[in-house]
C-alpha atoms as a PDB file:
ATOM      1  CA  MET A   1      -3.315   8.044  43.122  1.00  0.00           C
ATOM      2  CA  ALA A   2      -0.922  10.658  41.794  1.00  0.00           C
ATOM      3  CA  ARG A   3      -1.704  12.119  38.402  1.00  0.00           C
ATOM      4  CA  GLN A   4       1.489  12.418  36.388  1.00  0.00           C
ATOM      5  CA  LYS A   5       0.153  15.177  34.137  1.00  0.00           C
ATOM      6  CA  LEU A   6      -0.220  17.365  37.242  1.00  0.00           C
ATOM      7  CA  GLY A   7       3.293  16.555  38.423  1.00  0.00           C
ATOM      8  CA  GLN A   8       1.973  15.158  41.697  1.00  0.00           C
ATOM      9  CA  HIS A   9       4.544  13.816  44.140  1.00  0.00           C
ATOM     10  CA  PHE A  10       3.183  13.726  47.677  1.00  0.00           C
ATOM     11  CA  LEU A  11       5.453  14.272  50.673  1.00  0.00           C
ATOM     12  CA  SER A  12       4.597  10.955  52.280  1.00  0.00           C
ATOM     13  CA  GLN A  13       7.256  10.657  55.000  1.00  0.00           C
ATOM     14  CA  ILE A  14       6.198  12.305  58.256  1.00  0.00           C
ATOM     15  CA  SER A  15       9.845  12.821  59.277  1.00  0.00           C
ATOM     16  CA  TRP A  16      10.449  15.082  56.274  1.00  0.00           C
ATOM     17  CA  ARG A  17       7.168  16.908  56.772  1.00  0.00           C
ATOM     18  CA  THR A  18       8.112  17.591  60.380  1.00  0.00           C
ATOM     19  CA  ARG A  19      11.599  18.711  59.412  1.00  0.00           C
ATOM     20  CA  ILE A  20      10.150  21.182  56.901  1.00  0.00           C
ATOM     21  CA  ALA A  21       7.557  22.435  59.381  1.00  0.00           C
ATOM     22  CA  ASP A  22      10.282  23.071  61.941  1.00  0.00           C
ATOM     23  CA  THR A  23      11.901  25.588  59.558  1.00  0.00           C
ATOM     24  CA  LEU A  24       8.697  27.620  59.135  1.00  0.00           C
ATOM     25  CA  PRO A  25       7.913  30.755  61.151  1.00  0.00           C
ATOM     26  CA  VAL A  26       5.464  30.255  64.022  1.00  0.00           C
ATOM     27  CA  GLU A  27       3.078  33.198  64.268  1.00  0.00           C
ATOM     28  CA  ARG A  28      -0.304  32.524  65.854  1.00  0.00           C
ATOM     29  CA  ASP A  29      -1.882  35.440  63.993  1.00  0.00           C
ATOM     30  CA  ALA A  30      -0.398  34.563  60.589  1.00  0.00           C
ATOM     31  CA  ILE A  31      -2.176  33.689  57.365  1.00  0.00           C
ATOM     32  CA  TRP A  32      -0.667  30.957  55.185  1.00  0.00           C
ATOM     33  CA  VAL A  33      -1.502  30.340  51.548  1.00  0.00           C
ATOM     34  CA  GLU A  34      -0.652  26.751  50.638  1.00  0.00           C
ATOM     35  CA  ILE A  35      -0.172  25.849  46.973  1.00  0.00           C
ATOM     36  CA  GLY A  36      -0.683  22.222  45.975  1.00  0.00           C
ATOM     37  CA  ALA A  37      -2.190  21.061  49.262  1.00  0.00           C
ATOM     38  CA  GLY A  38      -2.677  17.468  48.057  1.00  0.00           C
ATOM     39  CA  HIS A  39      -4.036  15.232  50.827  1.00  0.00           C
ATOM     40  CA  GLY A  40      -3.167  17.851  53.428  1.00  0.00           C
ATOM     41  CA  GLU A  41       0.304  16.475  54.113  1.00  0.00           C
ATOM     42  CA  MET A  42       1.447  19.918  55.296  1.00  0.00           C
ATOM     43  CA  THR A  43      -1.907  21.653  55.755  1.00  0.00           C
ATOM     44  CA  GLU A  44      -2.532  20.347  59.265  1.00  0.00           C
ATOM     45  CA  LEU A  45       0.994  21.272  60.359  1.00  0.00           C
ATOM     46  CA  LEU A  46       0.550  24.767  58.939  1.00  0.00           C
ATOM     47  CA  ALA A  47      -2.705  25.116  60.862  1.00  0.00           C
ATOM     48  CA  THR A  48      -0.840  24.583  64.143  1.00  0.00           C
ATOM     49  CA  ARG A  49       1.344  27.583  63.319  1.00  0.00           C
ATOM     50  CA  ALA A  50      -1.232  30.109  62.140  1.00  0.00           C
ATOM     51  CA  ARG A  51      -4.623  31.740  62.520  1.00  0.00           C
ATOM     52  CA  ARG A  52      -5.700  30.823  59.029  1.00  0.00           C
ATOM     53  CA  VAL A  53      -4.635  28.537  56.189  1.00  0.00           C
ATOM     54  CA  ILE A  54      -5.901  28.916  52.618  1.00  0.00           C
ATOM     55  CA  ALA A  55      -5.161  25.566  50.966  1.00  0.00           C
ATOM     56  CA  ILE A  56      -5.252  25.676  47.145  1.00  0.00           C
ATOM     57  CA  GLU A  57      -5.540  22.413  45.210  1.00  0.00           C
ATOM     58  CA  THR A  58      -6.146  22.053  41.471  1.00  0.00           C
ATOM     59  CA  ASP A  59      -7.209  18.372  41.659  1.00  0.00           C
ATOM     60  CA  ALA A  60     -10.979  18.262  42.341  1.00  0.00           C
ATOM     61  CA  ALA A  61     -10.959  14.885  44.107  1.00  0.00           C
ATOM     62  CA  LEU A  62      -8.097  15.856  46.396  1.00  0.00           C
ATOM     63  CA  ALA A  63      -9.718  19.195  47.205  1.00  0.00           C
ATOM     64  CA  ALA A  64     -12.993  17.494  48.166  1.00  0.00           C
ATOM     65  CA  THR A  65     -11.234  14.981  50.423  1.00  0.00           C
ATOM     66  CA  LEU A  66      -9.120  17.680  52.041  1.00  0.00           C
ATOM     67  CA  ARG A  67     -12.223  19.801  52.696  1.00  0.00           C
ATOM     68  CA  GLU A  68     -13.741  16.883  54.638  1.00  0.00           C
ATOM     69  CA  ARG A  69     -10.549  16.416  56.647  1.00  0.00           C
ATOM     70  CA  ALA A  70     -10.332  20.119  57.439  1.00  0.00           C
ATOM     71  CA  ALA A  71     -13.882  20.081  58.818  1.00  0.00           C
ATOM     72  CA  HIS A  72     -12.847  17.357  61.297  1.00  0.00           C
ATOM     73  CA  TRP A  73      -9.792  19.378  62.363  1.00  0.00           C
ATOM     74  CA  SER A  74     -12.040  22.320  63.284  1.00  0.00           C
ATOM     75  CA  ILE A  75     -14.313  20.057  65.318  1.00  0.00           C
ATOM     76  CA  GLU A  76     -11.387  18.433  67.119  1.00  0.00           C
ATOM     77  CA  VAL A  77      -9.703  21.720  68.006  1.00  0.00           C
ATOM     78  CA  GLY A  78     -12.909  23.684  68.687  1.00  0.00           C
ATOM     79  CA  GLY A  79     -13.292  27.087  70.281  1.00  0.00           C
ATOM     80  CA  PRO A  80     -13.350  30.577  68.787  1.00  0.00           C
ATOM     81  CA  SER A  81      -9.557  30.684  68.478  1.00  0.00           C
ATOM     82  CA  ALA A  82      -9.355  27.487  66.420  1.00  0.00           C
ATOM     83  CA  PRO A  83      -7.394  27.961  63.167  1.00  0.00           C
ATOM     84  CA  SER A  84      -9.464  28.374  60.014  1.00  0.00           C
ATOM     85  CA  VAL A  85      -8.604  26.094  57.090  1.00  0.00           C
ATOM     86  CA  GLU A  86     -10.163  27.069  53.759  1.00  0.00           C
ATOM     87  CA  VAL A  87      -9.828  24.666  50.831  1.00  0.00           C
ATOM     88  CA  ILE A  88     -10.003  26.262  47.393  1.00  0.00           C
ATOM     89  CA  HIS A  89     -10.289  24.076  44.287  1.00  0.00           C
ATOM     90  CA  ALA A  90      -8.555  26.176  41.636  1.00  0.00           C
ATOM     91  CA  ASP A  91      -5.465  26.762  39.545  1.00  0.00           C
ATOM     92  CA  VAL A  92      -3.380  29.181  41.616  1.00  0.00           C
ATOM     93  CA  LEU A  93      -2.417  31.044  38.437  1.00  0.00           C
ATOM     94  CA  SER A  94      -6.059  32.095  38.045  1.00  0.00           C
ATOM     95  CA  LEU A  95      -6.450  33.451  41.568  1.00  0.00           C
ATOM     96  CA  ASP A  96      -6.304  36.952  42.958  1.00  0.00           C
ATOM     97  CA  LEU A  97      -4.535  36.061  46.199  1.00  0.00           C
ATOM     98  CA  ALA A  98      -5.138  39.514  47.630  1.00  0.00           C
ATOM     99  CA  ALA A  99      -8.892  38.930  47.348  1.00  0.00           C
ATOM    100  CA  LEU A 100      -8.608  35.529  49.018  1.00  0.00           C
ATOM    101  CA  VAL A 101      -6.622  36.916  51.913  1.00  0.00           C
ATOM    102  CA  ARG A 102      -9.035  39.821  52.350  1.00  0.00           C
ATOM    103  CA  SER A 103     -11.966  37.456  52.803  1.00  0.00           C
ATOM    104  CA  SER A 104     -13.092  37.353  56.439  1.00  0.00           C
ATOM    105  CA  ALA A 105     -14.902  34.002  56.648  1.00  0.00           C
ATOM    106  CA  THR A 106     -14.224  30.434  55.545  1.00  0.00           C
ATOM    107  CA  ASN A 107     -14.986  29.946  51.840  1.00  0.00           C
ATOM    108  CA  ASP A 108     -16.555  33.430  51.697  1.00  0.00           C
ATOM    109  CA  LEU A 109     -15.214  36.219  49.509  1.00  0.00           C
ATOM    110  CA  ARG A 110     -17.893  38.788  50.278  1.00  0.00           C
ATOM    111  CA  GLN A 111     -15.354  41.043  51.985  1.00  0.00           C
ATOM    112  CA  GLY A 112     -13.161  41.067  48.875  1.00  0.00           C
ATOM    113  CA  THR A 113     -13.612  43.680  46.187  1.00  0.00           C
ATOM    114  CA  ALA A 114     -11.350  42.413  43.399  1.00  0.00           C
ATOM    115  CA  SER A 115     -13.358  41.895  40.223  1.00  0.00           C
ATOM    116  CA  ALA A 116     -11.112  38.997  39.253  1.00  0.00           C
ATOM    117  CA  VAL A 117     -12.779  36.829  41.926  1.00  0.00           C
ATOM    118  CA  PRO A 118     -16.478  37.760  42.068  1.00  0.00           C
ATOM    119  CA  VAL A 119     -18.699  36.204  44.757  1.00  0.00           C
ATOM    120  CA  ALA A 120     -20.795  34.392  42.183  1.00  0.00           C
ATOM    121  CA  ALA A 121     -17.746  32.497  40.966  1.00  0.00           C
ATOM    122  CA  VAL A 122     -17.063  30.817  44.302  1.00  0.00           C
ATOM    123  CA  VAL A 123     -19.293  27.971  45.421  1.00  0.00           C
ATOM    124  CA  GLY A 124     -18.166  25.763  48.282  1.00  0.00           C
ATOM    125  CA  GLY A 125     -14.583  26.839  47.832  1.00  0.00           C
ATOM    126  CA  VAL A 126     -14.549  25.995  44.114  1.00  0.00           C
ATOM    127  CA  LEU A 127     -13.437  28.643  41.646  1.00  0.00           C
ATOM    128  CA  THR A 128     -15.159  28.308  38.283  1.00  0.00           C
ATOM    129  CA  PRO A 129     -12.627  27.904  35.447  1.00  0.00           C
ATOM    130  CA  GLU A 130     -13.800  30.911  33.456  1.00  0.00           C
ATOM    131  CA  VAL A 131     -12.621  33.314  36.161  1.00  0.00           C
ATOM    132  CA  ARG A 132      -9.111  34.499  35.340  1.00  0.00           C
ATOM    133  CA  LEU A 133      -6.833  37.150  36.773  1.00  0.00           C
ATOM    134  CA  GLU A 134      -5.456  39.297  33.979  1.00  0.00           C
ATOM    135  CA  ALA A 135      -1.651  39.258  33.948  1.00  0.00           C
ATOM    136  CA  SER A 136      -1.494  43.031  33.700  1.00  0.00           C
ATOM    137  CA  ALA A 137      -4.010  43.766  36.465  1.00  0.00           C
ATOM    138  CA  PRO A 138      -2.440  45.995  39.145  1.00  0.00           C
ATOM    139  CA  ILE A 139      -2.403  44.838  42.748  1.00  0.00           C
ATOM    140  CA  ASN A 140      -3.393  47.537  45.223  1.00  0.00           C
ATOM    141  CA  ALA A 141      -1.468  46.530  48.333  1.00  0.00           C
ATOM    142  CA  SER A 142      -2.770  49.491  50.333  1.00  0.00           C
ATOM    143  CA  ALA A 143      -6.314  48.091  50.071  1.00  0.00           C
ATOM    144  CA  CYS A 144      -5.324  44.892  51.910  1.00  0.00           C
ATOM    145  CA  ASN A 145      -5.029  44.733  55.670  1.00  0.00           C
ATOM    146  CA  ASP A 146      -3.644  41.208  55.926  1.00  0.00           C
ATOM    147  CA  ARG A 147      -0.194  40.079  54.938  1.00  0.00           C
ATOM    148  CA  PHE A 148       0.492  36.407  54.336  1.00  0.00           C
ATOM    149  CA  ARG A 149       3.106  33.711  53.924  1.00  0.00           C
ATOM    150  CA  VAL A 150       3.236  31.038  51.234  1.00  0.00           C
ATOM    151  CA  TYR A 151       4.088  27.342  51.404  1.00  0.00           C
ATOM    152  CA  GLY A 152       3.997  25.046  48.408  1.00  0.00           C
ATOM    153  CA  ASN A 153       5.065  21.648  47.150  1.00  0.00           C
ATOM    154  CA  LEU A 154       5.245  22.785  43.538  1.00  0.00           C
ATOM    155  CA  PRO A 155       5.153  20.721  40.348  1.00  0.00           C
ATOM    156  CA  TYR A 156       8.630  21.149  38.905  1.00  0.00           C
ATOM    157  CA  TYR A 157       7.475  22.143  35.427  1.00  0.00           C
ATOM    158  CA  ILE A 158       5.416  25.095  36.676  1.00  0.00           C
ATOM    159  CA  THR A 159       7.589  26.526  39.467  1.00  0.00           C
ATOM    160  CA  SER A 160       8.646  29.565  37.426  1.00  0.00           C
ATOM    161  CA  PRO A 161       5.112  30.643  36.370  1.00  0.00           C
ATOM    162  CA  ILE A 162       3.837  30.218  39.936  1.00  0.00           C
ATOM    163  CA  LEU A 163       6.635  32.326  41.420  1.00  0.00           C
ATOM    164  CA  SER A 164       6.130  34.987  38.750  1.00  0.00           C
ATOM    165  CA  HIS A 165       2.450  35.081  39.717  1.00  0.00           C
ATOM    166  CA  LEU A 166       3.264  35.301  43.422  1.00  0.00           C
ATOM    167  CA  PHE A 167       5.634  38.210  42.839  1.00  0.00           C
ATOM    168  CA  ARG A 168       2.654  40.269  41.676  1.00  0.00           C
ATOM    169  CA  PHE A 169       1.629  40.209  45.352  1.00  0.00           C
ATOM    170  CA  ALA A 170       5.151  40.854  46.671  1.00  0.00           C
ATOM    171  CA  ASP A 171       4.094  43.843  48.761  1.00  0.00           C
ATOM    172  CA  LEU A 172       1.740  41.583  50.738  1.00  0.00           C
ATOM    173  CA  ILE A 173       3.999  38.550  51.218  1.00  0.00           C
ATOM    174  CA  ASP A 174       6.325  38.084  54.205  1.00  0.00           C
ATOM    175  CA  SER A 175       7.949  34.884  52.962  1.00  0.00           C
ATOM    176  CA  ILE A 176       7.677  32.016  50.481  1.00  0.00           C
ATOM    177  CA  HIS A 177       8.741  28.462  51.370  1.00  0.00           C
ATOM    178  CA  ILE A 178       8.628  25.989  48.493  1.00  0.00           C
ATOM    179  CA  VAL A 179       9.698  22.442  47.769  1.00  0.00           C
ATOM    180  CA  THR A 180      10.862  22.107  44.183  1.00  0.00           C
ATOM    181  CA  GLN A 181      13.470  20.421  42.016  1.00  0.00           C
ATOM    182  CA  LEU A 182      17.015  20.924  43.339  1.00  0.00           C
ATOM    183  CA  GLU A 183      18.233  22.386  40.032  1.00  0.00           C
ATOM    184  CA  VAL A 184      15.435  24.959  40.101  1.00  0.00           C
ATOM    185  CA  ALA A 185      16.232  25.881  43.707  1.00  0.00           C
ATOM    186  CA  GLN A 186      19.896  26.318  42.786  1.00  0.00           C
ATOM    187  CA  ARG A 187      18.935  28.688  39.977  1.00  0.00           C
ATOM    188  CA  ILE A 188      16.757  30.738  42.318  1.00  0.00           C
ATOM    189  CA  ALA A 189      19.569  31.181  44.869  1.00  0.00           C
ATOM    190  CA  ALA A 190      22.494  31.447  42.406  1.00  0.00           C
ATOM    191  CA  HIS A 191      25.027  34.277  42.641  1.00  0.00           C
ATOM    192  CA  PRO A 192      26.724  36.211  39.810  1.00  0.00           C
ATOM    193  CA  ARG A 193      29.571  34.383  38.027  1.00  0.00           C
ATOM    194  CA  SER A 194      28.095  30.986  38.918  1.00  0.00           C
ATOM    195  CA  ARG A 195      26.838  28.437  36.387  1.00  0.00           C
ATOM    196  CA  ASP A 196      23.206  28.629  37.509  1.00  0.00           C
ATOM    197  CA  TYR A 197      22.916  32.430  37.571  1.00  0.00           C
ATOM    198  CA  GLY A 198      20.498  33.806  34.980  1.00  0.00           C
ATOM    199  CA  TYR A 199      17.331  35.808  34.446  1.00  0.00           C
ATOM    200  CA  PHE A 200      15.299  33.598  36.798  1.00  0.00           C
ATOM    201  CA  SER A 201      17.864  34.241  39.561  1.00  0.00           C
ATOM    202  CA  THR A 202      17.614  38.008  39.122  1.00  0.00           C
ATOM    203  CA  LEU A 203      13.806  37.890  38.984  1.00  0.00           C
ATOM    204  CA  CYS A 204      13.602  36.015  42.293  1.00  0.00           C
ATOM    205  CA  GLN A 205      16.273  38.109  43.985  1.00  0.00           C
ATOM    206  CA  PHE A 206      14.690  41.358  42.802  1.00  0.00           C
ATOM    207  CA  TYR A 207      11.622  40.512  44.877  1.00  0.00           C
ATOM    208  CA  ALA A 208      13.012  38.288  47.653  1.00  0.00           C
ATOM    209  CA  ARG A 209      16.067  37.035  49.505  1.00  0.00           C
ATOM    210  CA  PRO A 210      16.288  33.299  48.706  1.00  0.00           C
ATOM    211  CA  GLU A 211      18.150  30.648  50.672  1.00  0.00           C
ATOM    212  CA  LEU A 212      18.387  26.946  49.852  1.00  0.00           C
ATOM    213  CA  VAL A 213      17.574  25.337  53.208  1.00  0.00           C
ATOM    214  CA  PHE A 214      18.203  21.621  52.548  1.00  0.00           C
ATOM    215  CA  GLN A 215      17.884  18.889  49.952  1.00  0.00           C
ATOM    216  CA  ILE A 216      15.139  16.251  50.012  1.00  0.00           C
ATOM    217  CA  PRO A 217      15.689  12.763  48.527  1.00  0.00           C
ATOM    218  CA  PRO A 218      13.242  11.131  46.075  1.00  0.00           C
ATOM    219  CA  GLY A 219      12.282   8.540  48.694  1.00  0.00           C
ATOM    220  CA  ALA A 220      10.573  11.224  50.792  1.00  0.00           C
ATOM    221  CA  PHE A 221       7.769  11.362  48.199  1.00  0.00           C
ATOM    222  CA  HIS A 222       5.129   9.041  46.815  1.00  0.00           C
ATOM    223  CA  PRO A 223       5.511   8.350  44.001  1.00  0.00           C
ATOM    224  CA  PRO A 224       9.218   9.216  44.158  1.00  0.00           C
ATOM    225  CA  PRO A 225      10.351  11.720  41.508  1.00  0.00           C
ATOM    226  CA  LYS A 226      13.367  10.970  39.354  1.00  0.00           C
ATOM    227  CA  VAL A 227      15.283  13.939  40.749  1.00  0.00           C
ATOM    228  CA  THR A 228      16.384  15.334  44.092  1.00  0.00           C
ATOM    229  CA  SER A 229      14.243  18.105  45.550  1.00  0.00           C
ATOM    230  CA  ALA A 230      15.022  21.004  47.867  1.00  0.00           C
ATOM    231  CA  LEU A 231      13.319  23.351  50.290  1.00  0.00           C
ATOM    232  CA  ILE A 232      13.991  26.971  49.456  1.00  0.00           C
ATOM    233  CA  GLU A 233      13.059  29.916  51.642  1.00  0.00           C
ATOM    234  CA  MET A 234      12.444  33.371  50.169  1.00  0.00           C
ATOM    235  CA  ARG A 235      12.077  36.301  52.551  1.00  0.00           C
ATOM    236  CA  PHE A 236      10.718  39.688  51.514  1.00  0.00           C
ATOM    237  CA  PRO A 237      11.636  42.283  50.466  1.00  0.00           C
ATOM    238  CA  GLY A 238      14.462  41.571  48.052  1.00  0.00           C
ATOM    239  CA  GLU A 239      16.859  43.941  46.279  1.00  0.00           C
ATOM    240  CA  ARG A 240      13.893  45.787  44.784  1.00  0.00           C
ATOM    241  CA  ALA A 241      13.599  47.791  48.003  1.00  0.00           C
ATOM    242  CA  ASN A 242      17.086  49.272  47.524  1.00  0.00           C
ATOM    243  CA  LEU A 243      17.367  49.814  43.758  1.00  0.00           C
ATOM    244  CA  GLY A 244      15.093  52.788  43.246  1.00  0.00           C
ATOM    245  CA  ILE A 245      13.449  51.283  40.161  1.00  0.00           C
ATOM    246  CA  GLN A 246      10.323  53.205  39.186  1.00  0.00           C
ATOM    247  CA  ASN A 247       8.961  50.744  36.631  1.00  0.00           C
ATOM    248  CA  ASP A 248       9.284  47.099  37.675  1.00  0.00           C
ATOM    249  CA  ALA A 249       7.889  45.702  34.423  1.00  0.00           C
ATOM    250  CA  ALA A 250      10.301  47.716  32.274  1.00  0.00           C
ATOM    251  CA  PHE A 251      13.265  46.687  34.417  1.00  0.00           C
ATOM    252  CA  LEU A 252      12.348  42.992  34.270  1.00  0.00           C
ATOM    253  CA  LYS A 253      11.978  43.215  30.496  1.00  0.00           C
ATOM    254  CA  PHE A 254      15.427  44.831  30.410  1.00  0.00           C
ATOM    255  CA  LEU A 255      16.849  41.902  32.421  1.00  0.00           C
ATOM    256  CA  GLN A 256      15.318  39.441  29.967  1.00  0.00           C
ATOM    257  CA  VAL A 257      17.055  41.233  27.105  1.00  0.00           C
ATOM    258  CA  CYS A 258      20.366  41.180  28.990  1.00  0.00           C
ATOM    259  CA  PHE A 259      20.164  37.394  29.425  1.00  0.00           C
ATOM    260  CA  ALA A 260      18.586  36.673  26.018  1.00  0.00           C
ATOM    261  CA  HIS A 261      21.706  34.975  24.624  1.00  0.00           C
ATOM    262  CA  LYS A 262      24.013  33.710  27.337  1.00  0.00           C
ATOM    263  CA  ARG A 263      27.025  33.306  25.044  1.00  0.00           C
ATOM    264  CA  LYS A 264      26.829  36.912  23.876  1.00  0.00           C
ATOM    265  CA  THR A 265      28.237  39.946  25.631  1.00  0.00           C
ATOM    266  CA  LEU A 266      25.907  42.349  27.388  1.00  0.00           C
ATOM    267  CA  ARG A 267      26.564  44.944  24.680  1.00  0.00           C
ATOM    268  CA  ASN A 268      25.536  42.552  21.906  1.00  0.00           C
ATOM    269  CA  ASN A 269      22.369  41.525  23.729  1.00  0.00           C
ATOM    270  CA  LEU A 270      21.361  45.174  24.135  1.00  0.00           C
ATOM    271  CA  ARG A 271      22.259  46.386  20.650  1.00  0.00           C
ATOM    272  CA  GLY A 272      18.868  45.426  19.193  1.00  0.00           C
ATOM    273  CA  THR A 273      17.042  47.553  21.772  1.00  0.00           C
ATOM    274  CA  TYR A 274      19.341  50.527  22.326  1.00  0.00           C
ATOM    275  CA  ALA A 275      21.758  52.505  20.141  1.00  0.00           C
ATOM    276  CA  GLN A 276      25.298  51.117  20.311  1.00  0.00           C
ATOM    277  CA  GLU A 277      26.735  54.483  21.357  1.00  0.00           C
ATOM    278  CA  THR A 278      24.224  54.716  24.204  1.00  0.00           C
ATOM    279  CA  VAL A 279      25.068  51.226  25.430  1.00  0.00           C
ATOM    280  CA  ALA A 280      28.813  51.880  25.234  1.00  0.00           C
ATOM    281  CA  LYS A 281      28.413  55.061  27.271  1.00  0.00           C
ATOM    282  CA  ALA A 282      26.278  53.349  29.923  1.00  0.00           C
ATOM    283  CA  LEU A 283      28.769  50.499  30.268  1.00  0.00           C
ATOM    284  CA  ALA A 284      31.670  52.912  30.615  1.00  0.00           C
ATOM    285  CA  GLU A 285      29.878  54.963  33.268  1.00  0.00           C
ATOM    286  CA  SER A 286      29.152  51.710  35.128  1.00  0.00           C
ATOM    287  CA  ALA A 287      32.849  50.740  35.063  1.00  0.00           C
ATOM    288  CA  LEU A 288      32.148  47.802  32.731  1.00  0.00           C
ATOM    289  CA  THR A 289      33.841  46.810  29.473  1.00  0.00           C
ATOM    290  CA  ASP A 290      32.498  45.832  26.062  1.00  0.00           C
ATOM    291  CA  ASN A 291      33.240  42.197  26.997  1.00  0.00           C
ATOM    292  CA  SER A 292      31.093  42.203  30.145  1.00  0.00           C
ATOM    293  CA  ARG A 293      28.398  39.522  30.256  1.00  0.00           C
ATOM    294  CA  ALA A 294      25.067  39.456  32.028  1.00  0.00           C
ATOM    295  CA  GLU A 295      25.984  36.520  34.264  1.00  0.00           C
ATOM    296  CA  GLU A 296      28.774  38.616  35.819  1.00  0.00           C
ATOM    297  CA  LEU A 297      26.577  41.479  37.006  1.00  0.00           C
ATOM    298  CA  THR A 298      24.758  42.074  40.276  1.00  0.00           C
ATOM    299  CA  LEU A 299      21.255  43.511  40.407  1.00  0.00           C
ATOM    300  CA  HIS A 300      22.708  46.837  41.517  1.00  0.00           C
ATOM    301  CA  GLN A 301      24.855  46.963  38.377  1.00  0.00           C
ATOM    302  CA  PHE A 302      21.879  46.066  36.195  1.00  0.00           C
ATOM    303  CA  ALA A 303      19.851  48.820  37.869  1.00  0.00           C
ATOM    304  CA  GLN A 304      22.603  51.356  37.243  1.00  0.00           C
ATOM    305  CA  ILE A 305      22.806  50.509  33.533  1.00  0.00           C
ATOM    306  CA  PHE A 306      19.020  50.472  33.199  1.00  0.00           C
ATOM    307  CA  THR A 307      18.769  53.913  34.808  1.00  0.00           C
ATOM    308  CA  LEU A 308      21.439  55.326  32.495  1.00  0.00           C
ATOM    309  CA  LEU A 309      19.798  53.858  29.392  1.00  0.00           C
ATOM    310  CA  SER A 310      16.346  55.057  30.461  1.00  0.00           C
ATOM    311  CA  ALA A 311      17.665  58.598  30.870  1.00  0.00           C
ATOM    312  CA  GLU A 312      18.786  58.803  27.243  1.00  0.00           C
END
């Protein structure tokens, strides 16, 4: 049974699962990280498209059942080239995904070196709750040989924190494909001067190139949610690759300040952080006026202003 506090809505209709799977890249040597694997509604389909699937599930009972199912899949397929399905019982926000992907054997992290996921903390694919990945911990992409893709049927209330966590591994990710609430998907893909455009839009588009693929009705799930859902695809890299930003964290904090009060002008939002004269000069050099608002600007314009302000 679905647990409401976890926001569980399982993609029960095979026709919708197949339609989603048909949009996903097929790469026999790929690694997929699945978030919110549930009963394995999409896990088995992912396994037909990849060398390895790391299925993450925070519900202990579901993870145990899925682990049993995955063992049968391996037996049925057989052979040395059979896809590996690893089931990890954990909160994805606590996981060092780079360490998981570096591991070379099913449910075995001995090849990983990240201290956030020590070997002793993993028993039968279960991550003990005391193991946490510090939010400020740097991710050394050069130490990882394997890139990966992400699929997830995400609880609507936690989509933003999960994406923010995934972006810490942006240099290792080829694409993200998530099912989430339609309104959230629209915010992710929104363009400047549109109603849904805001900080979350710029965050996602800084790291990736999002596209809303199609909408999914409530009846596709069990139990059905009260809202329409959507599949959104995010390919990497995003605008970050072209902006020349040296300090991602500082730039993202700058964007948050710019969007802090949507009704206010950009100048008024920045006045508490920078001198008014400095802001006025940066806006003028960026061909913007004192009445310009954050929701009107592209990421390139934000980057230009940020660079000018940082130089002062």
